[in-house]
PDBML (XML) file of the C-alpha atoms, coordinates in Angstrom:
<?xml version="1.0" encoding="UTF-8" ?>
<PDBx:datablock datablockName="MODEL"
   xmlns:PDBx="http://pdbml.pdb.org/schema/pdbx-v50.xsd"
   xmlns:xsi="http://www.w3.org/2001/XMLSchema-instance"
   xsi:schemaLocation="http://pdbml.pdb.org/schema/pdbx-v50.xsd pdbx-v50.xsd">
   <PDBx:atom_siteCategory>
      <PDBx:atom_site id="1">
         <PDBx:B_iso_or_equiv>0.00</PDBx:B_iso_or_equiv>
         <PDBx:Cartn_x>6.611</PDBx:Cartn_x>
         <PDBx:Cartn_y>1.600</PDBx:Cartn_y>
         <PDBx:Cartn_z>-11.312</PDBx:Cartn_z>
         <PDBx:auth_asym_id>A</PDBx:auth_asym_id>
         <PDBx:auth_atom_id>CA</PDBx:auth_atom_id>
         <PDBx:auth_comp_id>UNK</PDBx:auth_comp_id>
         <PDBx:auth_seq_id>1</PDBx:auth_seq_id>
         <PDBx:group_PDB>ATOM</PDBx:group_PDB>
         <PDBx:label_alt_id xsi:nil="true" />
         <PDBx:label_asym_id>A</PDBx:label_asym_id>
         <PDBx:label_atom_id>CA</PDBx:label_atom_id>
         <PDBx:label_comp_id>UNK</PDBx:label_comp_id>
         <PDBx:label_entity_id>1</PDBx:label_entity_id>
         <PDBx:label_seq_id>1</PDBx:label_seq_id>
         <PDBx:occupancy>1.00</PDBx:occupancy>
         <PDBx:pdbx_PDB_model_num>1</PDBx:pdbx_PDB_model_num>
         <PDBx:type_symbol>C</PDBx:type_symbol>
      </PDBx:atom_site>
      <PDBx:atom_site id="2">
         <PDBx:B_iso_or_equiv>0.00</PDBx:B_iso_or_equiv>
         <PDBx:Cartn_x>3.507</PDBx:Cartn_x>
         <PDBx:Cartn_y>3.361</PDBx:Cartn_y>
         <PDBx:Cartn_z>-10.023</PDBx:Cartn_z>
         <PDBx:auth_asym_id>A</PDBx:auth_asym_id>
         <PDBx:auth_atom_id>CA</PDBx:auth_atom_id>
         <PDBx:auth_comp_id>UNK</PDBx:auth_comp_id>
         <PDBx:auth_seq_id>2</PDBx:auth_seq_id>
         <PDBx:group_PDB>ATOM</PDBx:group_PDB>
         <PDBx:label_alt_id xsi:nil="true" />
         <PDBx:label_asym_id>A</PDBx:label_asym_id>
         <PDBx:label_atom_id>CA</PDBx:label_atom_id>
         <PDBx:label_comp_id>UNK</PDBx:label_comp_id>
         <PDBx:label_entity_id>1</PDBx:label_entity_id>
         <PDBx:label_seq_id>2</PDBx:label_seq_id>
         <PDBx:occupancy>1.00</PDBx:occupancy>
         <PDBx:pdbx_PDB_model_num>1</PDBx:pdbx_PDB_model_num>
         <PDBx:type_symbol>C</PDBx:type_symbol>
      </PDBx:atom_site>
      <PDBx:atom_site id="3">
         <PDBx:B_iso_or_equiv>0.00</PDBx:B_iso_or_equiv>
         <PDBx:Cartn_x>2.277</PDBx:Cartn_x>
         <PDBx:Cartn_y>5.248</PDBx:Cartn_y>
         <PDBx:Cartn_z>-7.018</PDBx:Cartn_z>
         <PDBx:auth_asym_id>A</PDBx:auth_asym_id>
         <PDBx:auth_atom_id>CA</PDBx:auth_atom_id>
         <PDBx:auth_comp_id>UNK</PDBx:auth_comp_id>
         <PDBx:auth_seq_id>3</PDBx:auth_seq_id>
         <PDBx:group_PDB>ATOM</PDBx:group_PDB>
         <PDBx:label_alt_id xsi:nil="true" />
         <PDBx:label_asym_id>A</PDBx:label_asym_id>
         <PDBx:label_atom_id>CA</PDBx:label_atom_id>
         <PDBx:label_comp_id>UNK</PDBx:label_comp_id>
         <PDBx:label_entity_id>1</PDBx:label_entity_id>
         <PDBx:label_seq_id>3</PDBx:label_seq_id>
         <PDBx:occupancy>1.00</PDBx:occupancy>
         <PDBx:pdbx_PDB_model_num>1</PDBx:pdbx_PDB_model_num>
         <PDBx:type_symbol>C</PDBx:type_symbol>
      </PDBx:atom_site>
      <PDBx:atom_site id="4">
         <PDBx:B_iso_or_equiv>0.00</PDBx:B_iso_or_equiv>
         <PDBx:Cartn_x>-1.148</PDBx:Cartn_x>
         <PDBx:Cartn_y>6.569</PDBx:Cartn_y>
         <PDBx:Cartn_z>-6.039</PDBx:Cartn_z>
         <PDBx:auth_asym_id>A</PDBx:auth_asym_id>
         <PDBx:auth_atom_id>CA</PDBx:auth_atom_id>
         <PDBx:auth_comp_id>UNK</PDBx:auth_comp_id>
         <PDBx:auth_seq_id>4</PDBx:auth_seq_id>
         <PDBx:group_PDB>ATOM</PDBx:group_PDB>
         <PDBx:label_alt_id xsi:nil="true" />
         <PDBx:label_asym_id>A</PDBx:label_asym_id>
         <PDBx:label_atom_id>CA</PDBx:label_atom_id>
         <PDBx:label_comp_id>UNK</PDBx:label_comp_id>
         <PDBx:label_entity_id>1</PDBx:label_entity_id>
         <PDBx:label_seq_id>4</PDBx:label_seq_id>
         <PDBx:occupancy>1.00</PDBx:occupancy>
         <PDBx:pdbx_PDB_model_num>1</PDBx:pdbx_PDB_model_num>
         <PDBx:type_symbol>C</PDBx:type_symbol>
      </PDBx:atom_site>
      <PDBx:atom_site id="5">
         <PDBx:B_iso_or_equiv>0.00</PDBx:B_iso_or_equiv>
         <PDBx:Cartn_x>-2.780</PDBx:Cartn_x>
         <PDBx:Cartn_y>9.086</PDBx:Cartn_y>
         <PDBx:Cartn_z>-3.798</PDBx:Cartn_z>
         <PDBx:auth_asym_id>A</PDBx:auth_asym_id>
         <PDBx:auth_atom_id>CA</PDBx:auth_atom_id>
         <PDBx:auth_comp_id>UNK</PDBx:auth_comp_id>
         <PDBx:auth_seq_id>5</PDBx:auth_seq_id>
         <PDBx:group_PDB>ATOM</PDBx:group_PDB>
         <PDBx:label_alt_id xsi:nil="true" />
         <PDBx:label_asym_id>A</PDBx:label_asym_id>
         <PDBx:label_atom_id>CA</PDBx:label_atom_id>
         <PDBx:label_comp_id>UNK</PDBx:label_comp_id>
         <PDBx:label_entity_id>1</PDBx:label_entity_id>
         <PDBx:label_seq_id>5</PDBx:label_seq_id>
         <PDBx:occupancy>1.00</PDBx:occupancy>
         <PDBx:pdbx_PDB_model_num>1</PDBx:pdbx_PDB_model_num>
         <PDBx:type_symbol>C</PDBx:type_symbol>
      </PDBx:atom_site>
      <PDBx:atom_site id="6">
         <PDBx:B_iso_or_equiv>0.00</PDBx:B_iso_or_equiv>
         <PDBx:Cartn_x>-4.404</PDBx:Cartn_x>
         <PDBx:Cartn_y>7.381</PDBx:Cartn_y>
         <PDBx:Cartn_z>-0.834</PDBx:Cartn_z>
         <PDBx:auth_asym_id>A</PDBx:auth_asym_id>
         <PDBx:auth_atom_id>CA</PDBx:auth_atom_id>
         <PDBx:auth_comp_id>UNK</PDBx:auth_comp_id>
         <PDBx:auth_seq_id>6</PDBx:auth_seq_id>
         <PDBx:group_PDB>ATOM</PDBx:group_PDB>
         <PDBx:label_alt_id xsi:nil="true" />
         <PDBx:label_asym_id>A</PDBx:label_asym_id>
         <PDBx:label_atom_id>CA</PDBx:label_atom_id>
         <PDBx:label_comp_id>UNK</PDBx:label_comp_id>
         <PDBx:label_entity_id>1</PDBx:label_entity_id>
         <PDBx:label_seq_id>6</PDBx:label_seq_id>
         <PDBx:occupancy>1.00</PDBx:occupancy>
         <PDBx:pdbx_PDB_model_num>1</PDBx:pdbx_PDB_model_num>
         <PDBx:type_symbol>C</PDBx:type_symbol>
      </PDBx:atom_site>
      <PDBx:atom_site id="7">
         <PDBx:B_iso_or_equiv>0.00</PDBx:B_iso_or_equiv>
         <PDBx:Cartn_x>-7.808</PDBx:Cartn_x>
         <PDBx:Cartn_y>8.641</PDBx:Cartn_y>
         <PDBx:Cartn_z>-1.935</PDBx:Cartn_z>
         <PDBx:auth_asym_id>A</PDBx:auth_asym_id>
         <PDBx:auth_atom_id>CA</PDBx:auth_atom_id>
         <PDBx:auth_comp_id>UNK</PDBx:auth_comp_id>
         <PDBx:auth_seq_id>7</PDBx:auth_seq_id>
         <PDBx:group_PDB>ATOM</PDBx:group_PDB>
         <PDBx:label_alt_id xsi:nil="true" />
         <PDBx:label_asym_id>A</PDBx:label_asym_id>
         <PDBx:label_atom_id>CA</PDBx:label_atom_id>
         <PDBx:label_comp_id>UNK</PDBx:label_comp_id>
         <PDBx:label_entity_id>1</PDBx:label_entity_id>
         <PDBx:label_seq_id>7</PDBx:label_seq_id>
         <PDBx:occupancy>1.00</PDBx:occupancy>
         <PDBx:pdbx_PDB_model_num>1</PDBx:pdbx_PDB_model_num>
         <PDBx:type_symbol>C</PDBx:type_symbol>
      </PDBx:atom_site>
      <PDBx:atom_site id="8">
         <PDBx:B_iso_or_equiv>0.00</PDBx:B_iso_or_equiv>
         <PDBx:Cartn_x>-7.705</PDBx:Cartn_x>
         <PDBx:Cartn_y>6.634</PDBx:Cartn_y>
         <PDBx:Cartn_z>-5.181</PDBx:Cartn_z>
         <PDBx:auth_asym_id>A</PDBx:auth_asym_id>
         <PDBx:auth_atom_id>CA</PDBx:auth_atom_id>
         <PDBx:auth_comp_id>UNK</PDBx:auth_comp_id>
         <PDBx:auth_seq_id>8</PDBx:auth_seq_id>
         <PDBx:group_PDB>ATOM</PDBx:group_PDB>
         <PDBx:label_alt_id xsi:nil="true" />
         <PDBx:label_asym_id>A</PDBx:label_asym_id>
         <PDBx:label_atom_id>CA</PDBx:label_atom_id>
         <PDBx:label_comp_id>UNK</PDBx:label_comp_id>
         <PDBx:label_entity_id>1</PDBx:label_entity_id>
         <PDBx:label_seq_id>8</PDBx:label_seq_id>
         <PDBx:occupancy>1.00</PDBx:occupancy>
         <PDBx:pdbx_PDB_model_num>1</PDBx:pdbx_PDB_model_num>
         <PDBx:type_symbol>C</PDBx:type_symbol>
      </PDBx:atom_site>
      <PDBx:atom_site id="9">
         <PDBx:B_iso_or_equiv>0.00</PDBx:B_iso_or_equiv>
         <PDBx:Cartn_x>-5.748</PDBx:Cartn_x>
         <PDBx:Cartn_y>3.509</PDBx:Cartn_y>
         <PDBx:Cartn_z>-4.189</PDBx:Cartn_z>
         <PDBx:auth_asym_id>A</PDBx:auth_asym_id>
         <PDBx:auth_atom_id>CA</PDBx:auth_atom_id>
         <PDBx:auth_comp_id>UNK</PDBx:auth_comp_id>
         <PDBx:auth_seq_id>9</PDBx:auth_seq_id>
         <PDBx:group_PDB>ATOM</PDBx:group_PDB>
         <PDBx:label_alt_id xsi:nil="true" />
         <PDBx:label_asym_id>A</PDBx:label_asym_id>
         <PDBx:label_atom_id>CA</PDBx:label_atom_id>
         <PDBx:label_comp_id>UNK</PDBx:label_comp_id>
         <PDBx:label_entity_id>1</PDBx:label_entity_id>
         <PDBx:label_seq_id>9</PDBx:label_seq_id>
         <PDBx:occupancy>1.00</PDBx:occupancy>
         <PDBx:pdbx_PDB_model_num>1</PDBx:pdbx_PDB_model_num>
         <PDBx:type_symbol>C</PDBx:type_symbol>
      </PDBx:atom_site>
      <PDBx:atom_site id="10">
         <PDBx:B_iso_or_equiv>0.00</PDBx:B_iso_or_equiv>
         <PDBx:Cartn_x>-7.587</PDBx:Cartn_x>
         <PDBx:Cartn_y>0.356</PDBx:Cartn_y>
         <PDBx:Cartn_z>-5.173</PDBx:Cartn_z>
         <PDBx:auth_asym_id>A</PDBx:auth_asym_id>
         <PDBx:auth_atom_id>CA</PDBx:auth_atom_id>
         <PDBx:auth_comp_id>UNK</PDBx:auth_comp_id>
         <PDBx:auth_seq_id>10</PDBx:auth_seq_id>
         <PDBx:group_PDB>ATOM</PDBx:group_PDB>
         <PDBx:label_alt_id xsi:nil="true" />
         <PDBx:label_asym_id>A</PDBx:label_asym_id>
         <PDBx:label_atom_id>CA</PDBx:label_atom_id>
         <PDBx:label_comp_id>UNK</PDBx:label_comp_id>
         <PDBx:label_entity_id>1</PDBx:label_entity_id>
         <PDBx:label_seq_id>10</PDBx:label_seq_id>
         <PDBx:occupancy>1.00</PDBx:occupancy>
         <PDBx:pdbx_PDB_model_num>1</PDBx:pdbx_PDB_model_num>
         <PDBx:type_symbol>C</PDBx:type_symbol>
      </PDBx:atom_site>
      <PDBx:atom_site id="11">
         <PDBx:B_iso_or_equiv>0.00</PDBx:B_iso_or_equiv>
         <PDBx:Cartn_x>-9.922</PDBx:Cartn_x>
         <PDBx:Cartn_y>2.256</PDBx:Cartn_y>
         <PDBx:Cartn_z>-7.522</PDBx:Cartn_z>
         <PDBx:auth_asym_id>A</PDBx:auth_asym_id>
         <PDBx:auth_atom_id>CA</PDBx:auth_atom_id>
         <PDBx:auth_comp_id>UNK</PDBx:auth_comp_id>
         <PDBx:auth_seq_id>11</PDBx:auth_seq_id>
         <PDBx:group_PDB>ATOM</PDBx:group_PDB>
         <PDBx:label_alt_id xsi:nil="true" />
         <PDBx:label_asym_id>A</PDBx:label_asym_id>
         <PDBx:label_atom_id>CA</PDBx:label_atom_id>
         <PDBx:label_comp_id>UNK</PDBx:label_comp_id>
         <PDBx:label_entity_id>1</PDBx:label_entity_id>
         <PDBx:label_seq_id>11</PDBx:label_seq_id>
         <PDBx:occupancy>1.00</PDBx:occupancy>
         <PDBx:pdbx_PDB_model_num>1</PDBx:pdbx_PDB_model_num>
         <PDBx:type_symbol>C</PDBx:type_symbol>
      </PDBx:atom_site>
      <PDBx:atom_site id="12">
         <PDBx:B_iso_or_equiv>0.00</PDBx:B_iso_or_equiv>
         <PDBx:Cartn_x>-7.660</PDBx:Cartn_x>
         <PDBx:Cartn_y>3.940</PDBx:Cartn_y>
         <PDBx:Cartn_z>-10.085</PDBx:Cartn_z>
         <PDBx:auth_asym_id>A</PDBx:auth_asym_id>
         <PDBx:auth_atom_id>CA</PDBx:auth_atom_id>
         <PDBx:auth_comp_id>UNK</PDBx:auth_comp_id>
         <PDBx:auth_seq_id>12</PDBx:auth_seq_id>
         <PDBx:group_PDB>ATOM</PDBx:group_PDB>
         <PDBx:label_alt_id xsi:nil="true" />
         <PDBx:label_asym_id>A</PDBx:label_asym_id>
         <PDBx:label_atom_id>CA</PDBx:label_atom_id>
         <PDBx:label_comp_id>UNK</PDBx:label_comp_id>
         <PDBx:label_entity_id>1</PDBx:label_entity_id>
         <PDBx:label_seq_id>12</PDBx:label_seq_id>
         <PDBx:occupancy>1.00</PDBx:occupancy>
         <PDBx:pdbx_PDB_model_num>1</PDBx:pdbx_PDB_model_num>
         <PDBx:type_symbol>C</PDBx:type_symbol>
      </PDBx:atom_site>
      <PDBx:atom_site id="13">
         <PDBx:B_iso_or_equiv>0.00</PDBx:B_iso_or_equiv>
         <PDBx:Cartn_x>-4.973</PDBx:Cartn_x>
         <PDBx:Cartn_y>2.362</PDBx:Cartn_y>
         <PDBx:Cartn_z>-12.247</PDBx:Cartn_z>
         <PDBx:auth_asym_id>A</PDBx:auth_asym_id>
         <PDBx:auth_atom_id>CA</PDBx:auth_atom_id>
         <PDBx:auth_comp_id>UNK</PDBx:auth_comp_id>
         <PDBx:auth_seq_id>13</PDBx:auth_seq_id>
         <PDBx:group_PDB>ATOM</PDBx:group_PDB>
         <PDBx:label_alt_id xsi:nil="true" />
         <PDBx:label_asym_id>A</PDBx:label_asym_id>
         <PDBx:label_atom_id>CA</PDBx:label_atom_id>
         <PDBx:label_comp_id>UNK</PDBx:label_comp_id>
         <PDBx:label_entity_id>1</PDBx:label_entity_id>
         <PDBx:label_seq_id>13</PDBx:label_seq_id>
         <PDBx:occupancy>1.00</PDBx:occupancy>
         <PDBx:pdbx_PDB_model_num>1</PDBx:pdbx_PDB_model_num>
         <PDBx:type_symbol>C</PDBx:type_symbol>
      </PDBx:atom_site>
      <PDBx:atom_site id="14">
         <PDBx:B_iso_or_equiv>0.00</PDBx:B_iso_or_equiv>
         <PDBx:Cartn_x>-2.334</PDBx:Cartn_x>
         <PDBx:Cartn_y>4.288</PDBx:Cartn_y>
         <PDBx:Cartn_z>-14.172</PDBx:Cartn_z>
         <PDBx:auth_asym_id>A</PDBx:auth_asym_id>
         <PDBx:auth_atom_id>CA</PDBx:auth_atom_id>
         <PDBx:auth_comp_id>UNK</PDBx:auth_comp_id>
         <PDBx:auth_seq_id>14</PDBx:auth_seq_id>
         <PDBx:group_PDB>ATOM</PDBx:group_PDB>
         <PDBx:label_alt_id xsi:nil="true" />
         <PDBx:label_asym_id>A</PDBx:label_asym_id>
         <PDBx:label_atom_id>CA</PDBx:label_atom_id>
         <PDBx:label_comp_id>UNK</PDBx:label_comp_id>
         <PDBx:label_entity_id>1</PDBx:label_entity_id>
         <PDBx:label_seq_id>14</PDBx:label_seq_id>
         <PDBx:occupancy>1.00</PDBx:occupancy>
         <PDBx:pdbx_PDB_model_num>1</PDBx:pdbx_PDB_model_num>
         <PDBx:type_symbol>C</PDBx:type_symbol>
      </PDBx:atom_site>
      <PDBx:atom_site id="15">
         <PDBx:B_iso_or_equiv>0.00</PDBx:B_iso_or_equiv>
         <PDBx:Cartn_x>-0.679</PDBx:Cartn_x>
         <PDBx:Cartn_y>2.631</PDBx:Cartn_y>
         <PDBx:Cartn_z>-17.139</PDBx:Cartn_z>
         <PDBx:auth_asym_id>A</PDBx:auth_asym_id>
         <PDBx:auth_atom_id>CA</PDBx:auth_atom_id>
         <PDBx:auth_comp_id>UNK</PDBx:auth_comp_id>
         <PDBx:auth_seq_id>15</PDBx:auth_seq_id>
         <PDBx:group_PDB>ATOM</PDBx:group_PDB>
         <PDBx:label_alt_id xsi:nil="true" />
         <PDBx:label_asym_id>A</PDBx:label_asym_id>
         <PDBx:label_atom_id>CA</PDBx:label_atom_id>
         <PDBx:label_comp_id>UNK</PDBx:label_comp_id>
         <PDBx:label_entity_id>1</PDBx:label_entity_id>
         <PDBx:label_seq_id>15</PDBx:label_seq_id>
         <PDBx:occupancy>1.00</PDBx:occupancy>
         <PDBx:pdbx_PDB_model_num>1</PDBx:pdbx_PDB_model_num>
         <PDBx:type_symbol>C</PDBx:type_symbol>
      </PDBx:atom_site>
      <PDBx:atom_site id="16">
         <PDBx:B_iso_or_equiv>0.00</PDBx:B_iso_or_equiv>
         <PDBx:Cartn_x>1.424</PDBx:Cartn_x>
         <PDBx:Cartn_y>3.607</PDBx:Cartn_y>
         <PDBx:Cartn_z>-20.119</PDBx:Cartn_z>
         <PDBx:auth_asym_id>A</PDBx:auth_asym_id>
         <PDBx:auth_atom_id>CA</PDBx:auth_atom_id>
         <PDBx:auth_comp_id>UNK</PDBx:auth_comp_id>
         <PDBx:auth_seq_id>16</PDBx:auth_seq_id>
         <PDBx:group_PDB>ATOM</PDBx:group_PDB>
         <PDBx:label_alt_id xsi:nil="true" />
         <PDBx:label_asym_id>A</PDBx:label_asym_id>
         <PDBx:label_atom_id>CA</PDBx:label_atom_id>
         <PDBx:label_comp_id>UNK</PDBx:label_comp_id>
         <PDBx:label_entity_id>1</PDBx:label_entity_id>
         <PDBx:label_seq_id>16</PDBx:label_seq_id>
         <PDBx:occupancy>1.00</PDBx:occupancy>
         <PDBx:pdbx_PDB_model_num>1</PDBx:pdbx_PDB_model_num>
         <PDBx:type_symbol>C</PDBx:type_symbol>
      </PDBx:atom_site>
      <PDBx:atom_site id="17">
         <PDBx:B_iso_or_equiv>0.00</PDBx:B_iso_or_equiv>
         <PDBx:Cartn_x>1.857</PDBx:Cartn_x>
         <PDBx:Cartn_y>2.311</PDBx:Cartn_y>
         <PDBx:Cartn_z>-23.649</PDBx:Cartn_z>
         <PDBx:auth_asym_id>A</PDBx:auth_asym_id>
         <PDBx:auth_atom_id>CA</PDBx:auth_atom_id>
         <PDBx:auth_comp_id>UNK</PDBx:auth_comp_id>
         <PDBx:auth_seq_id>17</PDBx:auth_seq_id>
         <PDBx:group_PDB>ATOM</PDBx:group_PDB>
         <PDBx:label_alt_id xsi:nil="true" />
         <PDBx:label_asym_id>A</PDBx:label_asym_id>
         <PDBx:label_atom_id>CA</PDBx:label_atom_id>
         <PDBx:label_comp_id>UNK</PDBx:label_comp_id>
         <PDBx:label_entity_id>1</PDBx:label_entity_id>
         <PDBx:label_seq_id>17</PDBx:label_seq_id>
         <PDBx:occupancy>1.00</PDBx:occupancy>
         <PDBx:pdbx_PDB_model_num>1</PDBx:pdbx_PDB_model_num>
         <PDBx:type_symbol>C</PDBx:type_symbol>
      </PDBx:atom_site>
      <PDBx:atom_site id="18">
         <PDBx:B_iso_or_equiv>0.00</PDBx:B_iso_or_equiv>
         <PDBx:Cartn_x>5.280</PDBx:Cartn_x>
         <PDBx:Cartn_y>3.415</PDBx:Cartn_y>
         <PDBx:Cartn_z>-24.844</PDBx:Cartn_z>
         <PDBx:auth_asym_id>A</PDBx:auth_asym_id>
         <PDBx:auth_atom_id>CA</PDBx:auth_atom_id>
         <PDBx:auth_comp_id>UNK</PDBx:auth_comp_id>
         <PDBx:auth_seq_id>18</PDBx:auth_seq_id>
         <PDBx:group_PDB>ATOM</PDBx:group_PDB>
         <PDBx:label_alt_id xsi:nil="true" />
         <PDBx:label_asym_id>A</PDBx:label_asym_id>
         <PDBx:label_atom_id>CA</PDBx:label_atom_id>
         <PDBx:label_comp_id>UNK</PDBx:label_comp_id>
         <PDBx:label_entity_id>1</PDBx:label_entity_id>
         <PDBx:label_seq_id>18</PDBx:label_seq_id>
         <PDBx:occupancy>1.00</PDBx:occupancy>
         <PDBx:pdbx_PDB_model_num>1</PDBx:pdbx_PDB_model_num>
         <PDBx:type_symbol>C</PDBx:type_symbol>
      </PDBx:atom_site>
      <PDBx:atom_site id="19">
         <PDBx:B_iso_or_equiv>0.00</PDBx:B_iso_or_equiv>
         <PDBx:Cartn_x>4.618</PDBx:Cartn_x>
         <PDBx:Cartn_y>2.134</PDBx:Cartn_y>
         <PDBx:Cartn_z>-28.365</PDBx:Cartn_z>
         <PDBx:auth_asym_id>A</PDBx:auth_asym_id>
         <PDBx:auth_atom_id>CA</PDBx:auth_atom_id>
         <PDBx:auth_comp_id>UNK</PDBx:auth_comp_id>
         <PDBx:auth_seq_id>19</PDBx:auth_seq_id>
         <PDBx:group_PDB>ATOM</PDBx:group_PDB>
         <PDBx:label_alt_id xsi:nil="true" />
         <PDBx:label_asym_id>A</PDBx:label_asym_id>
         <PDBx:label_atom_id>CA</PDBx:label_atom_id>
         <PDBx:label_comp_id>UNK</PDBx:label_comp_id>
         <PDBx:label_entity_id>1</PDBx:label_entity_id>
         <PDBx:label_seq_id>19</PDBx:label_seq_id>
         <PDBx:occupancy>1.00</PDBx:occupancy>
         <PDBx:pdbx_PDB_model_num>1</PDBx:pdbx_PDB_model_num>
         <PDBx:type_symbol>C</PDBx:type_symbol>
      </PDBx:atom_site>
      <PDBx:atom_site id="20">
         <PDBx:B_iso_or_equiv>0.00</PDBx:B_iso_or_equiv>
         <PDBx:Cartn_x>1.623</PDBx:Cartn_x>
         <PDBx:Cartn_y>4.468</PDBx:Cartn_y>
         <PDBx:Cartn_z>-28.657</PDBx:Cartn_z>
         <PDBx:auth_asym_id>A</PDBx:auth_asym_id>
         <PDBx:auth_atom_id>CA</PDBx:auth_atom_id>
         <PDBx:auth_comp_id>UNK</PDBx:auth_comp_id>
         <PDBx:auth_seq_id>20</PDBx:auth_seq_id>
         <PDBx:group_PDB>ATOM</PDBx:group_PDB>
         <PDBx:label_alt_id xsi:nil="true" />
         <PDBx:label_asym_id>A</PDBx:label_asym_id>
         <PDBx:label_atom_id>CA</PDBx:label_atom_id>
         <PDBx:label_comp_id>UNK</PDBx:label_comp_id>
         <PDBx:label_entity_id>1</PDBx:label_entity_id>
         <PDBx:label_seq_id>20</PDBx:label_seq_id>
         <PDBx:occupancy>1.00</PDBx:occupancy>
         <PDBx:pdbx_PDB_model_num>1</PDBx:pdbx_PDB_model_num>
         <PDBx:type_symbol>C</PDBx:type_symbol>
      </PDBx:atom_site>
      <PDBx:atom_site id="21">
         <PDBx:B_iso_or_equiv>0.00</PDBx:B_iso_or_equiv>
         <PDBx:Cartn_x>3.115</PDBx:Cartn_x>
         <PDBx:Cartn_y>7.303</PDBx:Cartn_y>
         <PDBx:Cartn_z>-26.582</PDBx:Cartn_z>
         <PDBx:auth_asym_id>A</PDBx:auth_asym_id>
         <PDBx:auth_atom_id>CA</PDBx:auth_atom_id>
         <PDBx:auth_comp_id>UNK</PDBx:auth_comp_id>
         <PDBx:auth_seq_id>21</PDBx:auth_seq_id>
         <PDBx:group_PDB>ATOM</PDBx:group_PDB>
         <PDBx:label_alt_id xsi:nil="true" />
         <PDBx:label_asym_id>A</PDBx:label_asym_id>
         <PDBx:label_atom_id>CA</PDBx:label_atom_id>
         <PDBx:label_comp_id>UNK</PDBx:label_comp_id>
         <PDBx:label_entity_id>1</PDBx:label_entity_id>
         <PDBx:label_seq_id>21</PDBx:label_seq_id>
         <PDBx:occupancy>1.00</PDBx:occupancy>
         <PDBx:pdbx_PDB_model_num>1</PDBx:pdbx_PDB_model_num>
         <PDBx:type_symbol>C</PDBx:type_symbol>
      </PDBx:atom_site>
      <PDBx:atom_site id="22">
         <PDBx:B_iso_or_equiv>0.00</PDBx:B_iso_or_equiv>
         <PDBx:Cartn_x>-0.035</PDBx:Cartn_x>
         <PDBx:Cartn_y>7.210</PDBx:Cartn_y>
         <PDBx:Cartn_z>-24.489</PDBx:Cartn_z>
         <PDBx:auth_asym_id>A</PDBx:auth_asym_id>
         <PDBx:auth_atom_id>CA</PDBx:auth_atom_id>
         <PDBx:auth_comp_id>UNK</PDBx:auth_comp_id>
         <PDBx:auth_seq_id>22</PDBx:auth_seq_id>
         <PDBx:group_PDB>ATOM</PDBx:group_PDB>
         <PDBx:label_alt_id xsi:nil="true" />
         <PDBx:label_asym_id>A</PDBx:label_asym_id>
         <PDBx:label_atom_id>CA</PDBx:label_atom_id>
         <PDBx:label_comp_id>UNK</PDBx:label_comp_id>
         <PDBx:label_entity_id>1</PDBx:label_entity_id>
         <PDBx:label_seq_id>22</PDBx:label_seq_id>
         <PDBx:occupancy>1.00</PDBx:occupancy>
         <PDBx:pdbx_PDB_model_num>1</PDBx:pdbx_PDB_model_num>
         <PDBx:type_symbol>C</PDBx:type_symbol>
      </PDBx:atom_site>
      <PDBx:atom_site id="23">
         <PDBx:B_iso_or_equiv>0.00</PDBx:B_iso_or_equiv>
         <PDBx:Cartn_x>-0.766</PDBx:Cartn_x>
         <PDBx:Cartn_y>7.361</PDBx:Cartn_y>
         <PDBx:Cartn_z>-20.781</PDBx:Cartn_z>
         <PDBx:auth_asym_id>A</PDBx:auth_asym_id>
         <PDBx:auth_atom_id>CA</PDBx:auth_atom_id>
         <PDBx:auth_comp_id>UNK</PDBx:auth_comp_id>
         <PDBx:auth_seq_id>23</PDBx:auth_seq_id>
         <PDBx:group_PDB>ATOM</PDBx:group_PDB>
         <PDBx:label_alt_id xsi:nil="true" />
         <PDBx:label_asym_id>A</PDBx:label_asym_id>
         <PDBx:label_atom_id>CA</PDBx:label_atom_id>
         <PDBx:label_comp_id>UNK</PDBx:label_comp_id>
         <PDBx:label_entity_id>1</PDBx:label_entity_id>
         <PDBx:label_seq_id>23</PDBx:label_seq_id>
         <PDBx:occupancy>1.00</PDBx:occupancy>
         <PDBx:pdbx_PDB_model_num>1</PDBx:pdbx_PDB_model_num>
         <PDBx:type_symbol>C</PDBx:type_symbol>
      </PDBx:atom_site>
      <PDBx:atom_site id="24">
         <PDBx:B_iso_or_equiv>0.00</PDBx:B_iso_or_equiv>
         <PDBx:Cartn_x>-3.994</PDBx:Cartn_x>
         <PDBx:Cartn_y>6.023</PDBx:Cartn_y>
         <PDBx:Cartn_z>-19.298</PDBx:Cartn_z>
         <PDBx:auth_asym_id>A</PDBx:auth_asym_id>
         <PDBx:auth_atom_id>CA</PDBx:auth_atom_id>
         <PDBx:auth_comp_id>UNK</PDBx:auth_comp_id>
         <PDBx:auth_seq_id>24</PDBx:auth_seq_id>
         <PDBx:group_PDB>ATOM</PDBx:group_PDB>
         <PDBx:label_alt_id xsi:nil="true" />
         <PDBx:label_asym_id>A</PDBx:label_asym_id>
         <PDBx:label_atom_id>CA</PDBx:label_atom_id>
         <PDBx:label_comp_id>UNK</PDBx:label_comp_id>
         <PDBx:label_entity_id>1</PDBx:label_entity_id>
         <PDBx:label_seq_id>24</PDBx:label_seq_id>
         <PDBx:occupancy>1.00</PDBx:occupancy>
         <PDBx:pdbx_PDB_model_num>1</PDBx:pdbx_PDB_model_num>
         <PDBx:type_symbol>C</PDBx:type_symbol>
      </PDBx:atom_site>
   </PDBx:atom_siteCategory>
</PDBx:datablock>
């Protein structure tokens, strides 16, 4: 699940790849 600051909602996307141990 994700949550964003109001200032970046609709422009930024957070995602994670658990297989690669990487956050984007």
